Amino acid sequence: MKKWMFSALAYLALVIAGYFSYEVLFGEEKNEEVHGEGHTSSEIVYEDETKDHDDHKTESTDSHSEEAHGHGEKTSKETEVNVTVKEDNGQLILTLKDPAGQPLTDLEINHEKLLHLIVVDEHLDQYYHLHPEETAPGQFETASTLKEGTYKAFVDIKPKNLDYEVQPLAFSVGTPAADEHSHGSLKADQLLEKTVDGNMVTLETSPLVKNEPVTLTFDVHGAELEPFLGAMGHVVILDEEANEYLHVHPADEKRPVFETEFSQPGIYKIWAEFQKNGKVTVYPFVVEVK
């Protein structure tokens, strides 16, 4: 009897020992396998994130390089249109490209023209409102009478199905002297009354306060104004650094009354354009916004 009991206990011990040996050997291997799958999965996700990050980095770097290459000619990041302006052999040449770098040709008519080009010199003494003609897909040209110096251009267009914001595009004619890059300080006019070519225009404004609606009312002293580019006048406004651009049209079709808003305080120059007897005359005013 005792011999049988010892044999049973020995067999049970062997079974228990065998069970624990199996767990030690195969249990650890199983745990390593599970941990390995999890680690491999994380590694794959990490590689995908690295790839996406590298692609994004490349895209940002390319975008930055392209913008830097523009040297101020490229429009801001908020726009989907790349615009460049240059003067070459007495011609102002503009190129318009879509986000893919292809010539932009799908433009809406904006006040009877596909494109309005505003050019000012660095001191805001010279002002030109031009209408270059399309000479090739995405390219516009017009004759230039600009003297040697530094200028800023504002290309006013309405692309179809693309976001666009007018931005200042700096360019030079000839080789301007170093002192040409110093801005002169504008001073607000004490009397908002101008006489050009014998025609008098007086400007009356509502309070000039930033982020508040402003009304600009022009008294042409009985002159019979004619429609010019589909409106009873045009008003272009720049801050004294020529960075903020406003192009304003009359509030109605019969009176030279304009409504706008200034986002920042400071000194602004206003050019009001009116047509009489087939001739367009420009009246400059300088105001201060509080």
C-alpha atoms as a PDB file:
ATOM      1  CA  MET A   1       0.000   0.000   0.000  1.00  0.00           C
ATOM      2  CA  LYS A   2       2.755   2.377   0.977  1.00  0.00           C
ATOM      3  CA  LYS A   3       4.628   1.529  -2.218  1.00  0.00           C
ATOM      4  CA  TRP A   4       1.566   2.500  -4.282  1.00  0.00           C
ATOM      5  CA  MET A   5       1.156   5.790  -2.443  1.00  0.00           C
ATOM      6  CA  PHE A   6       4.797   6.720  -3.023  1.00  0.00           C
ATOM      7  CA  SER A   7       4.430   5.918  -6.719  1.00  0.00           C
ATOM      8  CA  ALA A   8       1.310   8.108  -6.992  1.00  0.00           C
ATOM      9  CA  LEU A   9       2.982  11.012  -5.221  1.00  0.00           C
ATOM     10  CA  ALA A  10       6.034  10.713  -7.451  1.00  0.00           C
ATOM     11  CA  TYR A  11       3.864  10.704 -10.581  1.00  0.00           C
ATOM     12  CA  LEU A  12       1.917  13.755  -9.331  1.00  0.00           C
ATOM     13  CA  ALA A  13       5.176  15.577  -8.647  1.00  0.00           C
ATOM     14  CA  LEU A  14       6.367  14.825 -12.149  1.00  0.00           C
ATOM     15  CA  VAL A  15       3.098  16.158 -13.618  1.00  0.00           C
ATOM     16  CA  ILE A  16       3.265  19.361 -11.567  1.00  0.00           C
ATOM     17  CA  ALA A  17       6.923  19.866 -12.431  1.00  0.00           C
ATOM     18  CA  GLY A  18       6.171  19.299 -16.083  1.00  0.00           C
ATOM     19  CA  TYR A  19       3.309  21.822 -16.003  1.00  0.00           C
ATOM     20  CA  PHE A  20       5.447  24.555 -14.439  1.00  0.00           C
ATOM     21  CA  SER A  21       8.272  23.853 -16.872  1.00  0.00           C
ATOM     22  CA  TYR A  22       5.841  24.249 -19.774  1.00  0.00           C
ATOM     23  CA  GLU A  23       4.576  27.575 -18.394  1.00  0.00           C
ATOM     24  CA  VAL A  24       8.099  28.832 -17.881  1.00  0.00           C
ATOM     25  CA  LEU A  25       9.197  27.926 -21.393  1.00  0.00           C
ATOM     26  CA  PHE A  26       6.146  28.597 -23.508  1.00  0.00           C
ATOM     27  CA  GLY A  27       4.494  31.264 -21.334  1.00  0.00           C
ATOM     28  CA  GLU A  28       7.499  33.598 -21.655  1.00  0.00           C
ATOM     29  CA  GLU A  29       7.687  32.951 -25.397  1.00  0.00           C
ATOM     30  CA  LYS A  30       4.015  33.814 -25.735  1.00  0.00           C
ATOM     31  CA  ASN A  31       4.472  37.020 -23.751  1.00  0.00           C
ATOM     32  CA  GLU A  32       7.432  37.973 -25.946  1.00  0.00           C
ATOM     33  CA  GLU A  33       5.351  37.342 -29.054  1.00  0.00           C
ATOM     34  CA  VAL A  34       2.500  39.542 -27.841  1.00  0.00           C
ATOM     35  CA  HIS A  35       4.898  42.325 -26.819  1.00  0.00           C
ATOM     36  CA  GLY A  36       6.685  42.022 -30.140  1.00  0.00           C
ATOM     37  CA  GLU A  37       3.455  42.506 -32.146  1.00  0.00           C
ATOM     38  CA  GLY A  38       2.576  45.544 -30.116  1.00  0.00           C
ATOM     39  CA  HIS A  39       6.008  47.023 -30.568  1.00  0.00           C
ATOM     40  CA  THR A  40       5.982  46.296 -34.280  1.00  0.00           C
ATOM     41  CA  SER A  41       2.588  47.973 -34.614  1.00  0.00           C
ATOM     42  CA  SER A  42       3.822  51.074 -32.781  1.00  0.00           C
ATOM     43  CA  GLU A  43       6.892  51.143 -34.953  1.00  0.00           C
ATOM     44  CA  ILE A  44       4.790  51.056 -38.119  1.00  0.00           C
ATOM     45  CA  VAL A  45       2.609  53.919 -36.867  1.00  0.00           C
ATOM     46  CA  TYR A  46       5.699  55.843 -35.896  1.00  0.00           C
ATOM     47  CA  GLU A  47       7.187  55.388 -39.372  1.00  0.00           C
ATOM     48  CA  ASP A  48       3.952  56.616 -40.965  1.00  0.00           C
ATOM     49  CA  GLU A  49       4.005  59.689 -38.723  1.00  0.00           C
ATOM     50  CA  THR A  50       7.645  60.291 -39.614  1.00  0.00           C
ATOM     51  CA  LYS A  51       6.823  60.039 -43.314  1.00  0.00           C
ATOM     52  CA  ASP A  52       3.942  62.462 -42.977  1.00  0.00           C
ATOM     53  CA  HIS A  53       6.122  64.808 -40.960  1.00  0.00           C
ATOM     54  CA  ASP A  54       8.900  64.649 -43.534  1.00  0.00           C
ATOM     55  CA  ASP A  55       6.438  65.312 -46.372  1.00  0.00           C
ATOM     56  CA  HIS A  56       5.027  68.288 -44.487  1.00  0.00           C
ATOM     57  CA  LYS A  57       8.509  69.556 -43.746  1.00  0.00           C
ATOM     58  CA  THR A  58       9.455  69.329 -47.403  1.00  0.00           C
ATOM     59  CA  GLU A  59       6.297  71.120 -48.425  1.00  0.00           C
ATOM     60  CA  SER A  60       6.908  73.906 -45.917  1.00  0.00           C
ATOM     61  CA  THR A  61      10.520  74.211 -46.970  1.00  0.00           C
ATOM     62  CA  ASP A  62       9.586  74.374 -50.649  1.00  0.00           C
ATOM     63  CA  SER A  63       6.924  76.979 -49.896  1.00  0.00           C
ATOM     64  CA  HIS A  64       9.359  79.036 -47.884  1.00  0.00           C
ATOM     65  CA  SER A  65      12.014  78.837 -50.588  1.00  0.00           C
ATOM     66  CA  GLU A  66       9.534  79.844 -53.258  1.00  0.00           C
ATOM     67  CA  GLU A  67       8.389  82.782 -51.179  1.00  0.00           C
ATOM     68  CA  ALA A  68      11.952  83.855 -50.436  1.00  0.00           C
ATOM     69  CA  HIS A  69      12.791  83.598 -54.128  1.00  0.00           C
ATOM     70  CA  GLY A  70      10.034  86.100 -54.861  1.00  0.00           C
ATOM     71  CA  HIS A  71      11.954  88.886 -53.060  1.00  0.00           C
ATOM     72  CA  GLY A  72       8.740  90.654 -52.096  1.00  0.00           C
ATOM     73  CA  GLU A  73       7.001  90.037 -55.383  1.00  0.00           C
ATOM     74  CA  LYS A  74       5.126  86.979 -54.190  1.00  0.00           C
ATOM     75  CA  THR A  75       1.724  87.456 -52.671  1.00  0.00           C
ATOM     76  CA  SER A  76       0.975  86.509 -49.084  1.00  0.00           C
ATOM     77  CA  LYS A  77       0.303  82.996 -47.805  1.00  0.00           C
ATOM     78  CA  GLU A  78      -3.404  83.850 -47.586  1.00  0.00           C
ATOM     79  CA  THR A  79      -3.761  84.019 -51.348  1.00  0.00           C
ATOM     80  CA  GLU A  80      -3.836  81.223 -53.889  1.00  0.00           C
ATOM     81  CA  VAL A  81      -2.472  83.393 -56.692  1.00  0.00           C
ATOM     82  CA  ASN A  82       1.212  84.094 -57.254  1.00  0.00           C
ATOM     83  CA  VAL A  83       1.707  87.550 -58.783  1.00  0.00           C
ATOM     84  CA  THR A  84       4.975  89.117 -59.925  1.00  0.00           C
ATOM     85  CA  VAL A  85       5.653  92.574 -61.349  1.00  0.00           C
ATOM     86  CA  LYS A  86       8.777  93.869 -63.053  1.00  0.00           C
ATOM     87  CA  GLU A  87       9.874  96.688 -65.346  1.00  0.00           C
ATOM     88  CA  ASP A  88      11.854  95.727 -68.421  1.00  0.00           C
ATOM     89  CA  ASN A  89      12.815  97.894 -71.387  1.00  0.00           C
ATOM     90  CA  GLY A  90      10.035 100.409 -70.848  1.00  0.00           C
ATOM     91  CA  GLN A  91       7.374  97.775 -70.178  1.00  0.00           C
ATOM     92  CA  LEU A  92       5.642  96.779 -66.961  1.00  0.00           C
ATOM     93  CA  ILE A  93       5.232  93.007 -67.068  1.00  0.00           C
ATOM     94  CA  LEU A  94       2.889  91.103 -64.761  1.00  0.00           C
ATOM     95  CA  THR A  95       2.600  87.343 -64.422  1.00  0.00           C
ATOM     96  CA  LEU A  96      -0.233  85.506 -62.687  1.00  0.00           C
ATOM     97  CA  LYS A  97       0.034  81.846 -61.667  1.00  0.00           C
ATOM     98  CA  ASP A  98      -2.390  79.480 -59.969  1.00  0.00           C
ATOM     99  CA  PRO A  99      -1.473  77.231 -56.992  1.00  0.00           C
ATOM    100  CA  ALA A 100      -0.096  74.601 -59.399  1.00  0.00           C
ATOM    101  CA  GLY A 101       2.264  77.147 -60.965  1.00  0.00           C
ATOM    102  CA  GLN A 102       0.266  77.312 -64.192  1.00  0.00           C
ATOM    103  CA  PRO A 103      -0.693  80.591 -65.905  1.00  0.00           C
ATOM    104  CA  LEU A 104      -3.851  82.032 -64.382  1.00  0.00           C
ATOM    105  CA  THR A 105      -6.352  82.909 -67.101  1.00  0.00           C
ATOM    106  CA  ASP A 106      -9.746  82.598 -65.411  1.00  0.00           C
ATOM    107  CA  LEU A 107     -10.467  86.158 -64.266  1.00  0.00           C
ATOM    108  CA  GLU A 108     -13.733  87.996 -63.784  1.00  0.00           C
ATOM    109  CA  ILE A 109     -14.367  91.410 -65.283  1.00  0.00           C
ATOM    110  CA  ASN A 110     -13.945  93.929 -62.480  1.00  0.00           C
ATOM    111  CA  HIS A 111     -15.265  97.417 -63.265  1.00  0.00           C
ATOM    112  CA  GLU A 112     -14.937  96.923 -67.008  1.00  0.00           C
ATOM    113  CA  LYS A 113     -11.372  95.539 -66.814  1.00  0.00           C
ATOM    114  CA  LEU A 114      -9.742  92.189 -66.153  1.00  0.00           C
ATOM    115  CA  LEU A 115      -6.942  93.837 -64.206  1.00  0.00           C
ATOM    116  CA  HIS A 116      -6.356  97.135 -62.444  1.00  0.00           C
ATOM    117  CA  LEU A 117      -2.750  98.036 -61.655  1.00  0.00           C
ATOM    118  CA  ILE A 118      -2.032 100.707 -59.065  1.00  0.00           C
ATOM    119  CA  VAL A 119       1.587 101.897 -58.889  1.00  0.00           C
ATOM    120  CA  VAL A 120       3.035 104.397 -56.411  1.00  0.00           C
ATOM    121  CA  ASP A 121       6.574 105.560 -55.768  1.00  0.00           C
ATOM    122  CA  GLU A 122       8.187 105.107 -52.377  1.00  0.00           C
ATOM    123  CA  HIS A 123       7.258 108.580 -51.149  1.00  0.00           C
ATOM    124  CA  LEU A 124       3.664 108.330 -52.433  1.00  0.00           C
ATOM    125  CA  ASP A 125       4.260 111.339 -54.607  1.00  0.00           C
ATOM    126  CA  GLN A 126       3.544 109.533 -57.876  1.00  0.00           C
ATOM    127  CA  TYR A 127       0.347 107.587 -58.489  1.00  0.00           C
ATOM    128  CA  TYR A 128      -0.673 105.564 -61.537  1.00  0.00           C
ATOM    129  CA  HIS A 129      -3.882 103.650 -62.222  1.00  0.00           C
ATOM    130  CA  LEU A 130      -3.105 101.446 -65.228  1.00  0.00           C
ATOM    131  CA  HIS A 131      -4.827  98.687 -67.171  1.00  0.00           C
ATOM    132  CA  PRO A 132      -2.280  96.311 -68.722  1.00  0.00           C
ATOM    133  CA  GLU A 133      -3.438  94.150 -71.597  1.00  0.00           C
ATOM    134  CA  GLU A 134      -3.130  90.374 -71.670  1.00  0.00           C
ATOM    135  CA  THR A 135      -0.275  89.453 -74.035  1.00  0.00           C
ATOM    136  CA  ALA A 136      -0.035  85.719 -73.231  1.00  0.00           C
ATOM    137  CA  PRO A 137      -1.814  83.300 -70.901  1.00  0.00           C
ATOM    138  CA  GLY A 138      -1.335  84.678 -67.407  1.00  0.00           C
ATOM    139  CA  GLN A 139       0.798  87.606 -68.595  1.00  0.00           C
ATOM    140  CA  PHE A 140      -0.148  91.284 -68.834  1.00  0.00           C
ATOM    141  CA  GLU A 141       1.906  94.216 -70.112  1.00  0.00           C
ATOM    142  CA  THR A 142       1.668  97.971 -70.406  1.00  0.00           C
ATOM    143  CA  ALA A 143       4.056 100.731 -71.432  1.00  0.00           C
ATOM    144  CA  SER A 144       5.996 102.260 -68.554  1.00  0.00           C
ATOM    145  CA  THR A 145       6.915 105.889 -68.147  1.00  0.00           C
ATOM    146  CA  LEU A 146       8.334 105.363 -64.662  1.00  0.00           C
ATOM    147  CA  LYS A 147      11.562 107.122 -63.815  1.00  0.00           C
ATOM    148  CA  GLU A 148      14.425 105.397 -62.050  1.00  0.00           C
ATOM    149  CA  GLY A 149      13.391 104.601 -58.508  1.00  0.00           C
ATOM    150  CA  THR A 150      11.663 102.221 -56.135  1.00  0.00           C
ATOM    151  CA  TYR A 151       7.940 101.497 -56.470  1.00  0.00           C
ATOM    152  CA  LYS A 152       5.126  99.389 -55.129  1.00  0.00           C
ATOM    153  CA  ALA A 153       2.461  97.805 -57.299  1.00  0.00           C
ATOM    154  CA  PHE A 154      -1.014  96.635 -56.327  1.00  0.00           C
ATOM    155  CA  VAL A 155      -2.606  94.170 -58.733  1.00  0.00           C
ATOM    156  CA  ASP A 156      -6.384  94.303 -58.358  1.00  0.00           C
ATOM    157  CA  ILE A 157      -8.018  91.205 -59.884  1.00  0.00           C
ATOM    158  CA  LYS A 158     -10.919  88.827 -59.245  1.00  0.00           C
ATOM    159  CA  PRO A 159      -9.838  85.242 -59.944  1.00  0.00           C
ATOM    160  CA  LYS A 160     -12.622  82.700 -60.350  1.00  0.00           C
ATOM    161  CA  ASN A 161     -12.743  79.983 -57.676  1.00  0.00           C
ATOM    162  CA  LEU A 162      -9.504  81.116 -56.011  1.00  0.00           C
ATOM    163  CA  ASP A 163      -8.826  83.186 -52.909  1.00  0.00           C
ATOM    164  CA  TYR A 164      -6.939  86.379 -53.566  1.00  0.00           C
ATOM    165  CA  GLU A 165      -5.927  89.404 -51.542  1.00  0.00           C
ATOM    166  CA  VAL A 166      -4.170  92.432 -53.017  1.00  0.00           C
ATOM    167  CA  GLN A 167      -0.673  92.782 -51.584  1.00  0.00           C
ATOM    168  CA  PRO A 168       2.109  95.355 -52.111  1.00  0.00           C
ATOM    169  CA  LEU A 169       4.662  94.144 -54.670  1.00  0.00           C
ATOM    170  CA  ALA A 170       7.942  96.028 -54.539  1.00  0.00           C
ATOM    171  CA  PHE A 171       9.986  96.517 -57.693  1.00  0.00           C
ATOM    172  CA  SER A 172      12.641  98.869 -59.005  1.00  0.00           C
ATOM    173  CA  VAL A 173      13.298 100.771 -62.181  1.00  0.00           C
ATOM    174  CA  GLY A 174      16.963 101.198 -63.056  1.00  0.00           C
ATOM    175  CA  THR A 175      19.389 101.340 -60.133  1.00  0.00           C
ATOM    176  CA  PRO A 176      17.910 103.574 -57.426  1.00  0.00           C
ATOM    177  CA  ALA A 177      20.305 105.386 -55.118  1.00  0.00           C
ATOM    178  CA  ALA A 178      20.559 104.082 -51.563  1.00  0.00           C
ATOM    179  CA  ASP A 179      18.798 107.125 -50.090  1.00  0.00           C
ATOM    180  CA  GLU A 180      15.781 106.376 -52.266  1.00  0.00           C
ATOM    181  CA  HIS A 181      14.768 103.770 -49.698  1.00  0.00           C
ATOM    182  CA  SER A 182      14.035 106.308 -46.959  1.00  0.00           C
ATOM    183  CA  HIS A 183      10.376 107.129 -46.524  1.00  0.00           C
ATOM    184  CA  GLY A 184       9.283 110.703 -46.149  1.00  0.00           C
ATOM    185  CA  SER A 185       6.746 111.418 -43.431  1.00  0.00           C
ATOM    186  CA  LEU A 186       3.280 112.346 -44.602  1.00  0.00           C
ATOM    187  CA  LYS A 187       1.374 115.046 -42.783  1.00  0.00           C
ATOM    188  CA  ALA A 188      -2.387 115.195 -42.608  1.00  0.00           C
ATOM    189  CA  ASP A 189      -3.937 118.011 -44.643  1.00  0.00           C
ATOM    190  CA  GLN A 190      -5.256 120.873 -42.550  1.00  0.00           C
ATOM    191  CA  LEU A 191      -7.734 121.746 -45.310  1.00  0.00           C
ATOM    192  CA  LEU A 192      -9.291 118.896 -47.295  1.00  0.00           C
ATOM    193  CA  GLU A 193      -9.689 120.910 -50.476  1.00  0.00           C
ATOM    194  CA  LYS A 194      -7.779 120.369 -53.717  1.00  0.00           C
ATOM    195  CA  THR A 195      -7.764 122.154 -57.067  1.00  0.00           C
ATOM    196  CA  VAL A 196      -6.367 120.229 -60.033  1.00  0.00           C
ATOM    197  CA  ASP A 197      -6.492 121.532 -63.613  1.00  0.00           C
ATOM    198  CA  GLY A 198      -8.847 124.265 -62.483  1.00  0.00           C
ATOM    199  CA  ASN A 199     -11.334 121.803 -60.921  1.00  0.00           C
ATOM    200  CA  MET A 200     -11.951 122.019 -57.184  1.00  0.00           C
ATOM    201  CA  VAL A 201     -12.906 119.065 -54.996  1.00  0.00           C
ATOM    202  CA  THR A 202     -13.550 119.203 -51.256  1.00  0.00           C
ATOM    203  CA  LEU A 203     -13.528 116.139 -49.003  1.00  0.00           C
ATOM    204  CA  GLU A 204     -15.714 115.772 -45.933  1.00  0.00           C
ATOM    205  CA  THR A 205     -15.294 112.754 -43.673  1.00  0.00           C
ATOM    206  CA  SER A 206     -17.159 111.200 -40.803  1.00  0.00           C
ATOM    207  CA  PRO A 207     -14.970 110.629 -37.697  1.00  0.00           C
ATOM    208  CA  LEU A 208     -11.804 108.824 -38.783  1.00  0.00           C
ATOM    209  CA  VAL A 209     -11.566 106.084 -36.180  1.00  0.00           C
ATOM    210  CA  LYS A 210     -10.097 102.625 -36.681  1.00  0.00           C
ATOM    211  CA  ASN A 211     -12.498  99.685 -37.011  1.00  0.00           C
ATOM    212  CA  GLU A 212     -15.434 102.063 -37.408  1.00  0.00           C
ATOM    213  CA  PRO A 213     -17.393 102.688 -40.626  1.00  0.00           C
ATOM    214  CA  VAL A 214     -16.134 105.836 -42.356  1.00  0.00           C
ATOM    215  CA  THR A 215     -17.969 107.891 -44.967  1.00  0.00           C
ATOM    216  CA  LEU A 216     -15.999 109.945 -47.486  1.00  0.00           C
ATOM    217  CA  THR A 217     -18.132 112.603 -49.194  1.00  0.00           C
ATOM    218  CA  PHE A 218     -16.612 114.538 -52.105  1.00  0.00           C
ATOM    219  CA  ASP A 219     -18.038 117.901 -53.124  1.00  0.00           C
ATOM    220  CA  VAL A 220     -17.192 118.490 -56.793  1.00  0.00           C
ATOM    221  CA  HIS A 221     -18.722 121.980 -56.694  1.00  0.00           C
ATOM    222  CA  GLY A 222     -21.314 121.480 -59.390  1.00  0.00           C
ATOM    223  CA  ALA A 223     -19.116 119.636 -61.874  1.00  0.00           C
ATOM    224  CA  GLU A 224     -20.938 117.187 -64.142  1.00  0.00           C
ATOM    225  CA  LEU A 225     -19.203 113.909 -63.400  1.00  0.00           C
ATOM    226  CA  GLU A 226     -19.239 111.087 -65.920  1.00  0.00           C
ATOM    227  CA  PRO A 227     -19.149 107.356 -65.185  1.00  0.00           C
ATOM    228  CA  PHE A 228     -15.590 106.107 -65.111  1.00  0.00           C
ATOM    229  CA  LEU A 229     -14.951 102.341 -65.292  1.00  0.00           C
ATOM    230  CA  GLY A 230     -18.533 101.632 -64.366  1.00  0.00           C
ATOM    231  CA  ALA A 231     -18.705 103.966 -61.348  1.00  0.00           C
ATOM    232  CA  MET A 232     -19.117 107.624 -60.461  1.00  0.00           C
ATOM    233  CA  GLY A 233     -15.502 107.752 -59.371  1.00  0.00           C
ATOM    234  CA  HIS A 234     -12.866 105.573 -57.737  1.00  0.00           C
ATOM    235  CA  VAL A 235     -10.953 105.983 -54.490  1.00  0.00           C
ATOM    236  CA  VAL A 236      -7.657 104.267 -53.660  1.00  0.00           C
ATOM    237  CA  ILE A 237      -6.247 104.512 -50.140  1.00  0.00           C
ATOM    238  CA  LEU A 238      -2.803 103.525 -48.813  1.00  0.00           C
ATOM    239  CA  ASP A 239      -1.208 103.863 -45.422  1.00  0.00           C
ATOM    240  CA  GLU A 240       2.024 105.891 -45.377  1.00  0.00           C
ATOM    241  CA  GLU A 241       4.157 102.740 -45.656  1.00  0.00           C
ATOM    242  CA  ALA A 242       2.117 101.593 -48.677  1.00  0.00           C
ATOM    243  CA  ASN A 243       1.295  98.268 -47.057  1.00  0.00           C
ATOM    244  CA  GLU A 244      -2.453  98.526 -46.509  1.00  0.00           C
ATOM    245  CA  TYR A 245      -4.482  98.878 -49.696  1.00  0.00           C
ATOM    246  CA  LEU A 246      -8.113  99.935 -50.059  1.00  0.00           C
ATOM    247  CA  HIS A 247      -9.966 100.378 -53.361  1.00  0.00           C
ATOM    248  CA  VAL A 248     -13.370 101.902 -52.736  1.00  0.00           C
ATOM    249  CA  HIS A 249     -16.322 102.518 -55.042  1.00  0.00           C
ATOM    250  CA  PRO A 250     -19.281 104.874 -54.522  1.00  0.00           C
ATOM    251  CA  ALA A 251     -22.100 103.814 -52.247  1.00  0.00           C
ATOM    252  CA  ASP A 252     -24.605 104.695 -54.999  1.00  0.00           C
ATOM    253  CA  GLU A 253     -24.522 105.402 -58.732  1.00  0.00           C
ATOM    254  CA  LYS A 254     -25.231 109.132 -58.660  1.00  0.00           C
ATOM    255  CA  ARG A 255     -23.150 110.731 -55.904  1.00  0.00           C
ATOM    256  CA  PRO A 256     -19.412 110.628 -55.101  1.00  0.00           C
ATOM    257  CA  VAL A 257     -19.956 109.242 -51.613  1.00  0.00           C
ATOM    258  CA  PHE A 258     -17.748 106.358 -50.502  1.00  0.00           C
ATOM    259  CA  GLU A 259     -17.863 104.081 -47.478  1.00  0.00           C
ATOM    260  CA  THR A 260     -14.885 102.239 -46.033  1.00  0.00           C
ATOM    261  CA  GLU A 261     -13.151 101.198 -42.816  1.00  0.00           C
ATOM    262  CA  PHE A 262      -9.595 101.490 -41.507  1.00  0.00           C
ATOM    263  CA  SER A 263      -8.147  98.572 -39.554  1.00  0.00           C
ATOM    264  CA  GLN A 264      -5.248 100.541 -38.016  1.00  0.00           C
ATOM    265  CA  PRO A 265      -4.659 104.106 -36.836  1.00  0.00           C
ATOM    266  CA  GLY A 266      -2.144 106.241 -38.682  1.00  0.00           C
ATOM    267  CA  ILE A 267      -1.614 108.496 -41.684  1.00  0.00           C
ATOM    268  CA  TYR A 268      -3.280 107.521 -44.961  1.00  0.00           C
ATOM    269  CA  LYS A 269      -3.162 108.995 -48.442  1.00  0.00           C
ATOM    270  CA  ILE A 270      -6.338 109.066 -50.517  1.00  0.00           C
ATOM    271  CA  TRP A 271      -6.462 109.387 -54.284  1.00  0.00           C
ATOM    272  CA  ALA A 272      -9.920 110.237 -55.621  1.00  0.00           C
ATOM    273  CA  GLU A 273     -10.448 109.778 -59.370  1.00  0.00           C
ATOM    274  CA  PHE A 274     -13.272 111.551 -61.184  1.00  0.00           C
ATOM    275  CA  GLN A 275     -14.038 111.942 -64.882  1.00  0.00           C
ATOM    276  CA  LYS A 276     -15.307 115.158 -66.464  1.00  0.00           C
ATOM    277  CA  ASN A 277     -15.552 115.911 -70.183  1.00  0.00           C
ATOM    278  CA  GLY A 278     -13.859 112.620 -70.971  1.00  0.00           C
ATOM    279  CA  LYS A 279     -10.806 113.370 -68.810  1.00  0.00           C
ATOM    280  CA  VAL A 280      -9.936 111.639 -65.550  1.00  0.00           C
ATOM    281  CA  THR A 281      -8.441 113.832 -62.845  1.00  0.00           C
ATOM    282  CA  VAL A 282      -6.852 112.587 -59.625  1.00  0.00           C
ATOM    283  CA  TYR A 283      -7.233 114.495 -56.347  1.00  0.00           C
ATOM    284  CA  PRO A 284      -4.846 113.539 -53.495  1.00  0.00           C
ATOM    285  CA  PHE A 285      -5.709 113.974 -49.816  1.00  0.00           C
ATOM    286  CA  VAL A 286      -3.828 112.985 -46.643  1.00  0.00           C
ATOM    287  CA  VAL A 287      -5.794 112.163 -43.499  1.00  0.00           C
ATOM    288  CA  GLU A 288      -5.100 110.793 -40.039  1.00  0.00           C
ATOM    289  CA  VAL A 289      -7.023 107.905 -38.523  1.00  0.00           C
ATOM    290  CA  LYS A 290      -7.206 107.754 -34.746  1.00  0.00           C
END
